[in-house]
Amino acid sequence: MAAQNSKAQVIGLANVATETVNTIKQANEFGIAKGGQRLAAFLFFANDVKGLGLEAAQGLYLTSSFYWDLDDKTRGFAKRFSSTAPARCRITSRPRTNSVVMHYLRAIDAAGTDDAKTVVKR
């Protein structure tokens, strides 16, 4: 209610998982979007919109480090990734984890060692 009464244009949600989904549902019940305010979920996956429902998700902003259908490069990555893990390529955390691991392995190769301190410096 305090966020709604603030008349802020955007209300940021700094919670996660089920709490975020429940907060968005409650905001919908209180008519926050209908009142002209938008929600921004900082830790929310695009595939959660399906479970949340389109009505409750109307006007929602979300942050994402990876979206499979952003451009040709992300679609190409998703296609390569989905050949080994079908239906998982569109989930943000898996491609992100893949990217982190690949960068770390390249740093090991470049450093010529798997000593963690040396690799991190690299």
PDB file of N, CA and C in Angstrom:
ATOM      1  N   MET A   1       0.824  -1.188   0.000  1.00  0.00           N
ATOM      2  CA  MET A   1       0.000   0.000   0.000  1.00  0.00           C
ATOM      3  C   MET A   1       0.875   1.261   0.000  1.00  0.00           C
ATOM      4  N   ALA A   2       1.982   1.222   0.731  1.00  0.00           N
ATOM      5  CA  ALA A   2       2.863   2.392   0.775  1.00  0.00           C
ATOM      6  C   ALA A   2       3.428   2.687  -0.602  1.00  0.00           C
ATOM      7  N   ALA A   3       3.813   1.632  -1.315  1.00  0.00           N
ATOM      8  CA  ALA A   3       4.342   1.823  -2.667  1.00  0.00           C
ATOM      9  C   ALA A   3       3.268   2.385  -3.584  1.00  0.00           C
ATOM     10  N   GLN A   4       2.058   1.891  -3.448  1.00  0.00           N
ATOM     11  CA  GLN A   4       0.958   2.379  -4.271  1.00  0.00           C
ATOM     12  C   GLN A   4       0.669   3.850  -3.948  1.00  0.00           C
ATOM     13  N   ASN A   5       0.659   4.195  -2.687  1.00  0.00           N
ATOM     14  CA  ASN A   5       0.382   5.567  -2.270  1.00  0.00           C
ATOM     15  C   ASN A   5       1.503   6.542  -2.615  1.00  0.00           C
ATOM     16  N   SER A   6       2.697   6.007  -2.867  1.00  0.00           N
ATOM     17  CA  SER A   6       3.829   6.874  -3.189  1.00  0.00           C
ATOM     18  C   SER A   6       3.674   7.544  -4.543  1.00  0.00           C
ATOM     19  N   LYS A   7       2.851   6.964  -5.387  1.00  0.00           N
ATOM     20  CA  LYS A   7       2.642   7.462  -6.754  1.00  0.00           C
ATOM     21  C   LYS A   7       3.904   7.354  -7.609  1.00  0.00           C
ATOM     22  N   ALA A   8       4.852   6.502  -7.194  1.00  0.00           N
ATOM     23  CA  ALA A   8       6.050   6.264  -7.996  1.00  0.00           C
ATOM     24  C   ALA A   8       5.634   5.677  -9.340  1.00  0.00           C
ATOM     25  N   GLN A   9       6.334   6.043 -10.390  1.00  0.00           N
ATOM     26  CA  GLN A   9       6.011   5.510 -11.710  1.00  0.00           C
ATOM     27  C   GLN A   9       6.323   4.026 -11.795  1.00  0.00           C
ATOM     28  N   VAL A  10       7.419   3.628 -11.134  1.00  0.00           N
ATOM     29  CA  VAL A  10       7.848   2.227 -11.154  1.00  0.00           C
ATOM     30  C   VAL A  10       8.116   1.778  -9.727  1.00  0.00           C
ATOM     31  N   ILE A  11       7.611   0.595  -9.386  1.00  0.00           N
ATOM     32  CA  ILE A  11       7.846  -0.014  -8.076  1.00  0.00           C
ATOM     33  C   ILE A  11       8.784  -1.191  -8.285  1.00  0.00           C
ATOM     34  N   GLY A  12       9.969  -1.129  -7.685  1.00  0.00           N
ATOM     35  CA  GLY A  12      10.960  -2.199  -7.812  1.00  0.00           C
ATOM     36  C   GLY A  12      10.714  -3.297  -6.808  1.00  0.00           C
ATOM     37  N   LEU A  13      10.771  -4.537  -7.274  1.00  0.00           N
ATOM     38  CA  LEU A  13      10.562  -5.695  -6.405  1.00  0.00           C
ATOM     39  C   LEU A  13      11.899  -6.383  -6.166  1.00  0.00           C
ATOM     40  N   ALA A  14      12.410  -6.281  -4.970  1.00  0.00           N
ATOM     41  CA  ALA A  14      13.697  -6.877  -4.626  1.00  0.00           C
ATOM     42  C   ALA A  14      13.484  -8.155  -3.828  1.00  0.00           C
ATOM     43  N   ASN A  15      12.645  -9.036  -4.355  1.00  0.00           N
ATOM     44  CA  ASN A  15      12.441 -10.341  -3.729  1.00  0.00           C
ATOM     45  C   ASN A  15      12.644 -11.407  -4.803  1.00  0.00           C
ATOM     46  N   VAL A  16      12.486 -12.664  -4.466  1.00  0.00           N
ATOM     47  CA  VAL A  16      12.798 -13.727  -5.417  1.00  0.00           C
ATOM     48  C   VAL A  16      11.746 -14.827  -5.406  1.00  0.00           C
ATOM     49  N   ALA A  17      11.760 -15.578  -6.489  1.00  0.00           N
ATOM     50  CA  ALA A  17      10.993 -16.812  -6.644  1.00  0.00           C
ATOM     51  C   ALA A  17       9.508 -16.630  -6.338  1.00  0.00           C
ATOM     52  N   THR A  18       8.969 -17.482  -5.481  1.00  0.00           N
ATOM     53  CA  THR A  18       7.546 -17.475  -5.168  1.00  0.00           C
ATOM     54  C   THR A  18       7.109 -16.139  -4.576  1.00  0.00           C
ATOM     55  N   GLU A  19       7.989 -15.507  -3.795  1.00  0.00           N
ATOM     56  CA  GLU A  19       7.650 -14.209  -3.209  1.00  0.00           C
ATOM     57  C   GLU A  19       7.395 -13.171  -4.304  1.00  0.00           C
ATOM     58  N   THR A  20       8.199 -13.190  -5.355  1.00  0.00           N
ATOM     59  CA  THR A  20       8.008 -12.241  -6.454  1.00  0.00           C
ATOM     60  C   THR A  20       6.678 -12.492  -7.154  1.00  0.00           C
ATOM     61  N   VAL A  21       6.406 -13.754  -7.449  1.00  0.00           N
ATOM     62  CA  VAL A  21       5.145 -14.110  -8.111  1.00  0.00           C
ATOM     63  C   VAL A  21       3.966 -13.669  -7.253  1.00  0.00           C
ATOM     64  N   ASN A  22       4.025 -13.950  -5.959  1.00  0.00           N
ATOM     65  CA  ASN A  22       2.932 -13.560  -5.063  1.00  0.00           C
ATOM     66  C   ASN A  22       2.788 -12.042  -4.967  1.00  0.00           C
ATOM     67  N   THR A  23       3.904 -11.334  -4.942  1.00  0.00           N
ATOM     68  CA  THR A  23       3.853  -9.870  -4.889  1.00  0.00           C
ATOM     69  C   THR A  23       3.190  -9.303  -6.136  1.00  0.00           C
ATOM     70  N   ILE A  24       3.531  -9.864  -7.292  1.00  0.00           N
ATOM     71  CA  ILE A  24       2.942  -9.397  -8.547  1.00  0.00           C
ATOM     72  C   ILE A  24       1.443  -9.684  -8.572  1.00  0.00           C
ATOM     73  N   LYS A  25       1.066 -10.854  -8.096  1.00  0.00           N
ATOM     74  CA  LYS A  25      -0.363 -11.187  -8.031  1.00  0.00           C
ATOM     75  C   LYS A  25      -1.108 -10.219  -7.110  1.00  0.00           C
ATOM     76  N   GLN A  26      -0.517  -9.934  -5.957  1.00  0.00           N
ATOM     77  CA  GLN A  26      -1.153  -9.012  -5.014  1.00  0.00           C
ATOM     78  C   GLN A  26      -1.234  -7.603  -5.592  1.00  0.00           C
ATOM     79  N   ALA A  27      -0.179  -7.179  -6.284  1.00  0.00           N
ATOM     80  CA  ALA A  27      -0.191  -5.852  -6.908  1.00  0.00           C
ATOM     81  C   ALA A  27      -1.313  -5.771  -7.936  1.00  0.00           C
ATOM     82  N   ASN A  28      -1.533  -6.870  -8.654  1.00  0.00           N
ATOM     83  CA  ASN A  28      -2.622  -6.921  -9.624  1.00  0.00           C
ATOM     84  C   ASN A  28      -3.975  -6.811  -8.917  1.00  0.00           C
ATOM     85  N   GLU A  29      -4.117  -7.513  -7.795  1.00  0.00           N
ATOM     86  CA  GLU A  29      -5.367  -7.457  -7.032  1.00  0.00           C
ATOM     87  C   GLU A  29      -5.647  -6.042  -6.511  1.00  0.00           C
ATOM     88  N   PHE A  30      -4.580  -5.300  -6.156  1.00  0.00           N
ATOM     89  CA  PHE A  30      -4.734  -3.933  -5.662  1.00  0.00           C
ATOM     90  C   PHE A  30      -4.857  -2.918  -6.797  1.00  0.00           C
ATOM     91  N   GLY A  31      -4.770  -3.386  -8.043  1.00  0.00           N
ATOM     92  CA  GLY A  31      -4.940  -2.504  -9.189  1.00  0.00           C
ATOM     93  C   GLY A  31      -3.799  -1.533  -9.423  1.00  0.00           C
ATOM     94  N   ILE A  32      -2.594  -1.933  -9.053  1.00  0.00           N
ATOM     95  CA  ILE A  32      -1.447  -1.033  -9.196  1.00  0.00           C
ATOM     96  C   ILE A  32      -1.204  -0.675 -10.662  1.00  0.00           C
ATOM     97  N   ALA A  33      -1.203  -1.658 -11.547  1.00  0.00           N
ATOM     98  CA  ALA A  33      -0.973  -1.374 -12.974  1.00  0.00           C
ATOM     99  C   ALA A  33      -2.114  -0.536 -13.554  1.00  0.00           C
ATOM    100  N   LYS A  34      -3.328  -0.820 -13.132  1.00  0.00           N
ATOM    101  CA  LYS A  34      -4.481  -0.056 -13.624  1.00  0.00           C
ATOM    102  C   LYS A  34      -4.423   1.391 -13.154  1.00  0.00           C
ATOM    103  N   GLY A  35      -3.727   1.625 -12.049  1.00  0.00           N
ATOM    104  CA  GLY A  35      -3.561   2.977 -11.530  1.00  0.00           C
ATOM    105  C   GLY A  35      -2.402   3.722 -12.181  1.00  0.00           C
ATOM    106  N   GLY A  36      -1.740   3.085 -13.135  1.00  0.00           N
ATOM    107  CA  GLY A  36      -0.673   3.753 -13.873  1.00  0.00           C
ATOM    108  C   GLY A  36       0.734   3.466 -13.393  1.00  0.00           C
ATOM    109  N   GLN A  37       0.874   2.677 -12.345  1.00  0.00           N
ATOM    110  CA  GLN A  37       2.206   2.329 -11.871  1.00  0.00           C
ATOM    111  C   GLN A  37       2.655   1.029 -12.528  1.00  0.00           C
ATOM    112  N   ARG A  38       3.972   0.882 -12.703  1.00  0.00           N
ATOM    113  CA  ARG A  38       4.533  -0.331 -13.284  1.00  0.00           C
ATOM    114  C   ARG A  38       5.380  -1.037 -12.233  1.00  0.00           C
ATOM    115  N   LEU A  39       5.525  -2.325 -12.385  1.00  0.00           N
ATOM    116  CA  LEU A  39       6.379  -3.113 -11.496  1.00  0.00           C
ATOM    117  C   LEU A  39       7.653  -3.480 -12.246  1.00  0.00           C
ATOM    118  N   ALA A  40       8.767  -3.506 -11.523  1.00  0.00           N
ATOM    119  CA  ALA A  40      10.042  -3.961 -12.072  1.00  0.00           C
ATOM    120  C   ALA A  40      10.566  -5.068 -11.174  1.00  0.00           C
ATOM    121  N   ALA A  41      10.578  -6.283 -11.695  1.00  0.00           N
ATOM    122  CA  ALA A  41      11.058  -7.433 -10.933  1.00  0.00           C
ATOM    123  C   ALA A  41      12.526  -7.661 -11.276  1.00  0.00           C
ATOM    124  N   PHE A  42      13.386  -7.551 -10.274  1.00  0.00           N
ATOM    125  CA  PHE A  42      14.820  -7.654 -10.509  1.00  0.00           C
ATOM    126  C   PHE A  42      15.290  -9.101 -10.639  1.00  0.00           C
ATOM    127  N   LEU A  43      14.615 -10.029  -9.998  1.00  0.00           N
ATOM    128  CA  LEU A  43      14.965 -11.448 -10.085  1.00  0.00           C
ATOM    129  C   LEU A  43      13.719 -12.235 -10.468  1.00  0.00           C
ATOM    130  N   PHE A  44      13.464 -12.274 -11.759  1.00  0.00           N
ATOM    131  CA  PHE A  44      12.253 -12.903 -12.266  1.00  0.00           C
ATOM    132  C   PHE A  44      12.565 -13.440 -13.647  1.00  0.00           C
ATOM    133  N   PHE A  45      12.128 -14.658 -13.930  1.00  0.00           N
ATOM    134  CA  PHE A  45      12.396 -15.276 -15.223  1.00  0.00           C
ATOM    135  C   PHE A  45      11.213 -15.097 -16.161  1.00  0.00           C
ATOM    136  N   ALA A  46      11.513 -14.841 -17.420  1.00  0.00           N
ATOM    137  CA  ALA A  46      10.460 -14.625 -18.416  1.00  0.00           C
ATOM    138  C   ALA A  46       9.505 -15.816 -18.476  1.00  0.00           C
ATOM    139  N   ASN A  47      10.026 -17.025 -18.284  1.00  0.00           N
ATOM    140  CA  ASN A  47       9.149 -18.196 -18.337  1.00  0.00           C
ATOM    141  C   ASN A  47       8.193 -18.273 -17.148  1.00  0.00           C
ATOM    142  N   ASP A  48       8.439 -17.475 -16.097  1.00  0.00           N
ATOM    143  CA  ASP A  48       7.504 -17.419 -14.968  1.00  0.00           C
ATOM    144  C   ASP A  48       6.224 -16.672 -15.313  1.00  0.00           C
ATOM    145  N   VAL A  49       6.254 -15.899 -16.392  1.00  0.00           N
ATOM    146  CA  VAL A  49       5.062 -15.156 -16.807  1.00  0.00           C
ATOM    147  C   VAL A  49       3.931 -16.124 -17.116  1.00  0.00           C
ATOM    148  N   LYS A  50       4.269 -17.261 -17.711  1.00  0.00           N
ATOM    149  CA  LYS A  50       3.238 -18.252 -18.046  1.00  0.00           C
ATOM    150  C   LYS A  50       2.514 -18.720 -16.786  1.00  0.00           C
ATOM    151  N   GLY A  51       3.262 -19.008 -15.744  1.00  0.00           N
ATOM    152  CA  GLY A  51       2.656 -19.448 -14.486  1.00  0.00           C
ATOM    153  C   GLY A  51       1.912 -18.325 -13.785  1.00  0.00           C
ATOM    154  N   LEU A  52       2.409 -17.121 -13.934  1.00  0.00           N
ATOM    155  CA  LEU A  52       1.794 -15.956 -13.312  1.00  0.00           C
ATOM    156  C   LEU A  52       0.489 -15.592 -13.999  1.00  0.00           C
ATOM    157  N   GLY A  53       0.489 -15.696 -15.312  1.00  0.00           N
ATOM    158  CA  GLY A  53      -0.676 -15.307 -16.105  1.00  0.00           C
ATOM    159  C   GLY A  53      -0.465 -13.944 -16.735  1.00  0.00           C
ATOM    160  N   LEU A  54      -0.910 -13.801 -17.957  1.00  0.00           N
ATOM    161  CA  LEU A  54      -0.691 -12.560 -18.690  1.00  0.00           C
ATOM    162  C   LEU A  54      -1.361 -11.358 -18.052  1.00  0.00           C
ATOM    163  N   GLU A  55      -2.545 -11.538 -17.492  1.00  0.00           N
ATOM    164  CA  GLU A  55      -3.238 -10.401 -16.892  1.00  0.00           C
ATOM    165  C   GLU A  55      -2.432  -9.812 -15.745  1.00  0.00           C
ATOM    166  N   ALA A  56      -1.951 -10.671 -14.867  1.00  0.00           N
ATOM    167  CA  ALA A  56      -1.183 -10.193 -13.713  1.00  0.00           C
ATOM    168  C   ALA A  56       0.170  -9.615 -14.134  1.00  0.00           C
ATOM    169  N   ALA A  57       0.710 -10.086 -15.263  1.00  0.00           N
ATOM    170  CA  ALA A  57       2.027  -9.638 -15.711  1.00  0.00           C
ATOM    171  C   ALA A  57       1.990  -8.406 -16.613  1.00  0.00           C
ATOM    172  N   GLN A  58       0.817  -7.899 -16.903  1.00  0.00           N
ATOM    173  CA  GLN A  58       0.707  -6.732 -17.788  1.00  0.00           C
ATOM    174  C   GLN A  58       1.518  -5.557 -17.250  1.00  0.00           C
ATOM    175  N   GLY A  59       2.352  -4.988 -18.111  1.00  0.00           N
ATOM    176  CA  GLY A  59       3.137  -3.816 -17.744  1.00  0.00           C
ATOM    177  C   GLY A  59       4.360  -4.104 -16.904  1.00  0.00           C
ATOM    178  N   LEU A  60       4.647  -5.374 -16.649  1.00  0.00           N
ATOM    179  CA  LEU A  60       5.777  -5.757 -15.804  1.00  0.00           C
ATOM    180  C   LEU A  60       7.093  -5.559 -16.542  1.00  0.00           C
ATOM    181  N   TYR A  61       8.045  -4.937 -15.875  1.00  0.00           N
ATOM    182  CA  TYR A  61       9.420  -4.899 -16.352  1.00  0.00           C
ATOM    183  C   TYR A  61      10.166  -5.999 -15.628  1.00  0.00           C
ATOM    184  N   LEU A  62      11.103  -6.638 -16.317  1.00  0.00           N
ATOM    185  CA  LEU A  62      11.959  -7.593 -15.624  1.00  0.00           C
ATOM    186  C   LEU A  62      13.367  -7.462 -16.151  1.00  0.00           C
ATOM    187  N   THR A  63      14.322  -7.809 -15.314  1.00  0.00           N
ATOM    188  CA  THR A  63      15.711  -7.773 -15.735  1.00  0.00           C
ATOM    189  C   THR A  63      16.140  -9.196 -16.064  1.00  0.00           C
ATOM    190  N   SER A  64      17.008  -9.313 -17.034  1.00  0.00           N
ATOM    191  CA  SER A  64      17.474 -10.630 -17.432  1.00  0.00           C
ATOM    192  C   SER A  64      18.855 -10.507 -18.040  1.00  0.00           C
ATOM    193  N   SER A  65      19.743 -11.388 -17.644  1.00  0.00           N
ATOM    194  CA  SER A  65      21.082 -11.374 -18.225  1.00  0.00           C
ATOM    195  C   SER A  65      21.116 -12.116 -19.555  1.00  0.00           C
ATOM    196  N   PHE A  66      20.062 -12.855 -19.856  1.00  0.00           N
ATOM    197  CA  PHE A  66      20.006 -13.598 -21.110  1.00  0.00           C
ATOM    198  C   PHE A  66      18.554 -13.771 -21.517  1.00  0.00           C
ATOM    199  N   TYR A  67      18.283 -13.487 -22.794  1.00  0.00           N
ATOM    200  CA  TYR A  67      16.975 -13.788 -23.357  1.00  0.00           C
ATOM    201  C   TYR A  67      17.217 -14.501 -24.672  1.00  0.00           C
ATOM    202  N   TRP A  68      16.722 -15.689 -24.800  1.00  0.00           N
ATOM    203  CA  TRP A  68      17.041 -16.563 -25.925  1.00  0.00           C
ATOM    204  C   TRP A  68      16.672 -15.976 -27.285  1.00  0.00           C
ATOM    205  N   ASP A  69      15.653 -15.137 -27.369  1.00  0.00           N
ATOM    206  CA  ASP A  69      15.163 -14.633 -28.654  1.00  0.00           C
ATOM    207  C   ASP A  69      15.494 -13.152 -28.876  1.00  0.00           C
ATOM    208  N   LEU A  70      16.568 -12.663 -28.246  1.00  0.00           N
ATOM    209  CA  LEU A  70      16.933 -11.253 -28.341  1.00  0.00           C
ATOM    210  C   LEU A  70      17.441 -10.872 -29.730  1.00  0.00           C
ATOM    211  N   ASP A  71      18.328 -11.698 -30.276  1.00  0.00           N
ATOM    212  CA  ASP A  71      18.918 -11.395 -31.578  1.00  0.00           C
ATOM    213  C   ASP A  71      19.439 -12.683 -32.203  1.00  0.00           C
ATOM    214  N   ASP A  72      20.076 -12.577 -33.349  1.00  0.00           N
ATOM    215  CA  ASP A  72      20.570 -13.772 -34.045  1.00  0.00           C
ATOM    216  C   ASP A  72      21.591 -14.548 -33.217  1.00  0.00           C
ATOM    217  N   LYS A  73      22.454 -13.839 -32.476  1.00  0.00           N
ATOM    218  CA  LYS A  73      23.466 -14.520 -31.660  1.00  0.00           C
ATOM    219  C   LYS A  73      22.823 -15.327 -30.525  1.00  0.00           C
ATOM    220  N   THR A  74      21.840 -14.741 -29.842  1.00  0.00           N
ATOM    221  CA  THR A  74      21.205 -15.469 -28.739  1.00  0.00           C
ATOM    222  C   THR A  74      20.357 -16.623 -29.264  1.00  0.00           C
ATOM    223  N   ARG A  75      19.707 -16.418 -30.406  1.00  0.00           N
ATOM    224  CA  ARG A  75      18.944 -17.528 -30.998  1.00  0.00           C
ATOM    225  C   ARG A  75      19.879 -18.652 -31.417  1.00  0.00           C
ATOM    226  N   GLY A  76      21.050 -18.304 -31.967  1.00  0.00           N
ATOM    227  CA  GLY A  76      22.035 -19.320 -32.350  1.00  0.00           C
ATOM    228  C   GLY A  76      22.536 -20.094 -31.145  1.00  0.00           C
ATOM    229  N   PHE A  77      22.833 -19.363 -30.059  1.00  0.00           N
ATOM    230  CA  PHE A  77      23.270 -20.016 -28.835  1.00  0.00           C
ATOM    231  C   PHE A  77      22.181 -20.947 -28.314  1.00  0.00           C
ATOM    232  N   ALA A  78      20.952 -20.450 -28.282  1.00  0.00           N
ATOM    233  CA  ALA A  78      19.835 -21.253 -27.774  1.00  0.00           C
ATOM    234  C   ALA A  78      19.656 -22.507 -28.609  1.00  0.00           C
ATOM    235  N   LYS A  79      19.823 -22.380 -29.907  1.00  0.00           N
ATOM    236  CA  LYS A  79      19.682 -23.547 -30.783  1.00  0.00           C
ATOM    237  C   LYS A  79      20.780 -24.570 -30.491  1.00  0.00           C
ATOM    238  N   ARG A  80      22.016 -24.099 -30.339  1.00  0.00           N
ATOM    239  CA  ARG A  80      23.119 -25.016 -30.019  1.00  0.00           C
ATOM    240  C   ARG A  80      22.916 -25.645 -28.644  1.00  0.00           C
ATOM    241  N   PHE A  81      22.487 -24.841 -27.685  1.00  0.00           N
ATOM    242  CA  PHE A  81      22.298 -25.308 -26.314  1.00  0.00           C
ATOM    243  C   PHE A  81      21.140 -26.291 -26.238  1.00  0.00           C
ATOM    244  N   SER A  82      20.076 -26.039 -26.979  1.00  0.00           N
ATOM    245  CA  SER A  82      18.894 -26.895 -26.899  1.00  0.00           C
ATOM    246  C   SER A  82      19.126 -28.255 -27.530  1.00  0.00           C
ATOM    247  N   SER A  83      20.161 -28.374 -28.363  1.00  0.00           N
ATOM    248  CA  SER A  83      20.434 -29.684 -28.950  1.00  0.00           C
ATOM    249  C   SER A  83      20.933 -30.662 -27.894  1.00  0.00           C
ATOM    250  N   THR A  84      21.497 -30.137 -26.794  1.00  0.00           N
ATOM    251  CA  THR A  84      21.963 -31.001 -25.710  1.00  0.00           C
ATOM    252  C   THR A  84      21.052 -30.949 -24.496  1.00  0.00           C
ATOM    253  N   ALA A  85      20.214 -29.942 -24.412  1.00  0.00           N
ATOM    254  CA  ALA A  85      19.330 -29.791 -23.247  1.00  0.00           C
ATOM    255  C   ALA A  85      17.993 -29.217 -23.708  1.00  0.00           C
ATOM    256  N   PRO A  86      17.190 -29.998 -24.407  1.00  0.00           N
ATOM    257  CA  PRO A  86      15.921 -29.472 -24.919  1.00  0.00           C
ATOM    258  C   PRO A  86      15.065 -28.863 -23.813  1.00  0.00           C
ATOM    259  N   ALA A  87      14.343 -27.833 -24.172  1.00  0.00           N
ATOM    260  CA  ALA A  87      13.405 -27.127 -23.287  1.00  0.00           C
ATOM    261  C   ALA A  87      14.099 -26.354 -22.181  1.00  0.00           C
ATOM    262  N   ARG A  88      15.396 -26.449 -22.072  1.00  0.00           N
ATOM    263  CA  ARG A  88      16.104 -25.697 -21.042  1.00  0.00           C
ATOM    264  C   ARG A  88      16.754 -24.438 -21.605  1.00  0.00           C
ATOM    265  N   CYS A  89      16.840 -24.333 -22.925  1.00  0.00           N
ATOM    266  CA  CYS A  89      17.584 -23.227 -23.515  1.00  0.00           C
ATOM    267  C   CYS A  89      16.942 -21.880 -23.250  1.00  0.00           C
ATOM    268  N   ARG A  90      15.695 -21.836 -22.916  1.00  0.00           N
ATOM    269  CA  ARG A  90      15.028 -20.555 -22.736  1.00  0.00           C
ATOM    270  C   ARG A  90      15.003 -20.098 -21.279  1.00  0.00           C
ATOM    271  N   ILE A  91      15.678 -20.821 -20.425  1.00  0.00           N
ATOM    272  CA  ILE A  91      15.745 -20.447 -19.020  1.00  0.00           C
ATOM    273  C   ILE A  91      17.041 -19.669 -18.795  1.00  0.00           C
ATOM    274  N   THR A  92      16.937 -18.506 -18.213  1.00  0.00           N
ATOM    275  CA  THR A  92      18.063 -17.593 -18.084  1.00  0.00           C
ATOM    276  C   THR A  92      19.271 -18.187 -17.384  1.00  0.00           C
ATOM    277  N   SER A  93      19.076 -18.877 -16.293  1.00  0.00           N
ATOM    278  CA  SER A  93      20.210 -19.298 -15.482  1.00  0.00           C
ATOM    279  C   SER A  93      21.092 -20.341 -16.160  1.00  0.00           C
ATOM    280  N   ARG A  94      20.554 -21.196 -16.971  1.00  0.00           N
ATOM    281  CA  ARG A  94      21.373 -22.235 -17.585  1.00  0.00           C
ATOM    282  C   ARG A  94      22.348 -21.675 -18.625  1.00  0.00           C
ATOM    283  N   PRO A  95      21.892 -20.855 -19.570  1.00  0.00           N
ATOM    284  CA  PRO A  95      22.867 -20.262 -20.489  1.00  0.00           C
ATOM    285  C   PRO A  95      23.870 -19.364 -19.779  1.00  0.00           C
ATOM    286  N   ARG A  96      23.427 -18.657 -18.742  1.00  0.00           N
ATOM    287  CA  ARG A  96      24.336 -17.800 -17.982  1.00  0.00           C
ATOM    288  C   ARG A  96      25.414 -18.653 -17.327  1.00  0.00           C
ATOM    289  N   THR A  97      25.031 -19.768 -16.726  1.00  0.00           N
ATOM    290  CA  THR A  97      25.994 -20.659 -16.096  1.00  0.00           C
ATOM    291  C   THR A  97      26.954 -21.211 -17.131  1.00  0.00           C
ATOM    292  N   ASN A  98      26.428 -21.596 -18.289  1.00  0.00           N
ATOM    293  CA  ASN A  98      27.270 -22.089 -19.369  1.00  0.00           C
ATOM    294  C   ASN A  98      28.309 -21.038 -19.745  1.00  0.00           C
ATOM    295  N   SER A  99      27.900 -19.792 -19.856  1.00  0.00           N
ATOM    296  CA  SER A  99      28.804 -18.708 -20.217  1.00  0.00           C
ATOM    297  C   SER A  99      29.907 -18.530 -19.173  1.00  0.00           C
ATOM    298  N   VAL A 100      29.539 -18.544 -17.905  1.00  0.00           N
ATOM    299  CA  VAL A 100      30.511 -18.376 -16.828  1.00  0.00           C
ATOM    300  C   VAL A 100      31.533 -19.509 -16.857  1.00  0.00           C
ATOM    301  N   VAL A 101      31.068 -20.729 -17.001  1.00  0.00           N
ATOM    302  CA  VAL A 101      31.969 -21.880 -17.027  1.00  0.00           C
ATOM    303  C   VAL A 101      32.914 -21.795 -18.228  1.00  0.00           C
ATOM    304  N   MET A 102      32.377 -21.421 -19.389  1.00  0.00           N
ATOM    305  CA  MET A 102      33.222 -21.309 -20.582  1.00  0.00           C
ATOM    306  C   MET A 102      34.304 -20.247 -20.391  1.00  0.00           C
ATOM    307  N   HIS A 103      33.956 -19.101 -19.814  1.00  0.00           N
ATOM    308  CA  HIS A 103      34.958 -18.061 -19.565  1.00  0.00           C
ATOM    309  C   HIS A 103      36.021 -18.551 -18.589  1.00  0.00           C
ATOM    310  N   TYR A 104      35.608 -19.271 -17.562  1.00  0.00           N
ATOM    311  CA  TYR A 104      36.565 -19.791 -16.584  1.00  0.00           C
ATOM    312  C   TYR A 104      37.489 -20.812 -17.234  1.00  0.00           C
ATOM    313  N   LEU A 105      36.935 -21.706 -18.048  1.00  0.00           N
ATOM    314  CA  LEU A 105      37.769 -22.703 -18.720  1.00  0.00           C
ATOM    315  C   LEU A 105      38.748 -22.047 -19.692  1.00  0.00           C
ATOM    316  N   ARG A 106      38.310 -21.006 -20.376  1.00  0.00           N
ATOM    317  CA  ARG A 106      39.226 -20.269 -21.270  1.00  0.00           C
ATOM    318  C   ARG A 106      40.325 -19.583 -20.464  1.00  0.00           C
ATOM    319  N   ALA A 107      39.982 -19.079 -19.284  1.00  0.00           N
ATOM    320  CA  ALA A 107      40.990 -18.447 -18.431  1.00  0.00           C
ATOM    321  C   ALA A 107      41.997 -19.480 -17.938  1.00  0.00           C
ATOM    322  N   ILE A 108      41.562 -20.684 -17.629  1.00  0.00           N
ATOM    323  CA  ILE A 108      42.478 -21.771 -17.245  1.00  0.00           C
ATOM    324  C   ILE A 108      43.437 -22.047 -18.386  1.00  0.00           C
ATOM    325  N   ASP A 109      42.891 -22.147 -19.586  1.00  0.00           N
ATOM    326  CA  ASP A 109      43.715 -22.417 -20.764  1.00  0.00           C
ATOM    327  C   ASP A 109      44.732 -21.294 -20.979  1.00  0.00           C
ATOM    328  N   ALA A 110      44.283 -20.055 -20.888  1.00  0.00           N
ATOM    329  CA  ALA A 110      45.167 -18.905 -21.102  1.00  0.00           C
ATOM    330  C   ALA A 110      46.231 -18.792 -20.013  1.00  0.00           C
ATOM    331  N   ALA A 111      45.861 -19.131 -18.770  1.00  0.00           N
ATOM    332  CA  ALA A 111      46.797 -19.036 -17.652  1.00  0.00           C
ATOM    333  C   ALA A 111      47.770 -20.210 -17.632  1.00  0.00           C
ATOM    334  N   GLY A 112      47.389 -21.298 -18.279  1.00  0.00           N
ATOM    335  CA  GLY A 112      48.241 -22.482 -18.288  1.00  0.00           C
ATOM    336  C   GLY A 112      48.242 -23.232 -16.972  1.00  0.00           C
ATOM    337  N   THR A 113      47.265 -22.979 -16.141  1.00  0.00           N
ATOM    338  CA  THR A 113      47.155 -23.639 -14.836  1.00  0.00           C
ATOM    339  C   THR A 113      45.699 -23.625 -14.395  1.00  0.00           C
ATOM    340  N   ASP A 114      45.378 -24.518 -13.455  1.00  0.00           N
ATOM    341  CA  ASP A 114      44.035 -24.481 -12.886  1.00  0.00           C
ATOM    342  C   ASP A 114      44.070 -23.960 -11.440  1.00  0.00           C
ATOM    343  N   ASP A 115      45.196 -23.333 -11.053  1.00  0.00           N
ATOM    344  CA  ASP A 115      45.290 -22.699  -9.753  1.00  0.00           C
ATOM    345  C   ASP A 115      44.298 -21.540  -9.715  1.00  0.00           C
ATOM    346  N   ALA A 116      43.352 -21.609  -8.793  1.00  0.00           N
ATOM    347  CA  ALA A 116      42.223 -20.671  -8.765  1.00  0.00           C
ATOM    348  C   ALA A 116      42.667 -19.209  -8.692  1.00  0.00           C
ATOM    349  N   LYS A 117      43.632 -18.895  -7.843  1.00  0.00           N
ATOM    350  CA  LYS A 117      44.068 -17.504  -7.702  1.00  0.00           C
ATOM    351  C   LYS A 117      44.685 -16.983  -9.006  1.00  0.00           C
ATOM    352  N   THR A 118      45.457 -17.807  -9.658  1.00  0.00           N
ATOM    353  CA  THR A 118      46.077 -17.418 -10.939  1.00  0.00           C
ATOM    354  C   THR A 118      45.016 -17.244 -12.015  1.00  0.00           C
ATOM    355  N   VAL A 119      44.068 -18.163 -12.046  1.00  0.00           N
ATOM    356  CA  VAL A 119      43.002 -18.104 -13.066  1.00  0.00           C
ATOM    357  C   VAL A 119      42.133 -16.868 -12.866  1.00  0.00           C
ATOM    358  N   VAL A 120      41.778 -16.553 -11.629  1.00  0.00           N
ATOM    359  CA  VAL A 120      40.955 -15.388 -11.358  1.00  0.00           C
ATOM    360  C   VAL A 120      41.681 -14.115 -11.777  1.00  0.00           C
ATOM    361  N   LYS A 121      42.989 -14.037 -11.504  1.00  0.00           N
ATOM    362  CA  LYS A 121      43.764 -12.876 -11.934  1.00  0.00           C
ATOM    363  C   LYS A 121      43.739 -12.741 -13.455  1.00  0.00           C
ATOM    364  N   ARG A 122      43.802 -13.874 -14.129  1.00  0.00           N
ATOM    365  CA  ARG A 122      43.777 -13.886 -15.597  1.00  0.00           C
ATOM    366  C   ARG A 122      42.471 -13.330 -16.091  1.00  0.00           C
TER     367      ARG A 122
END
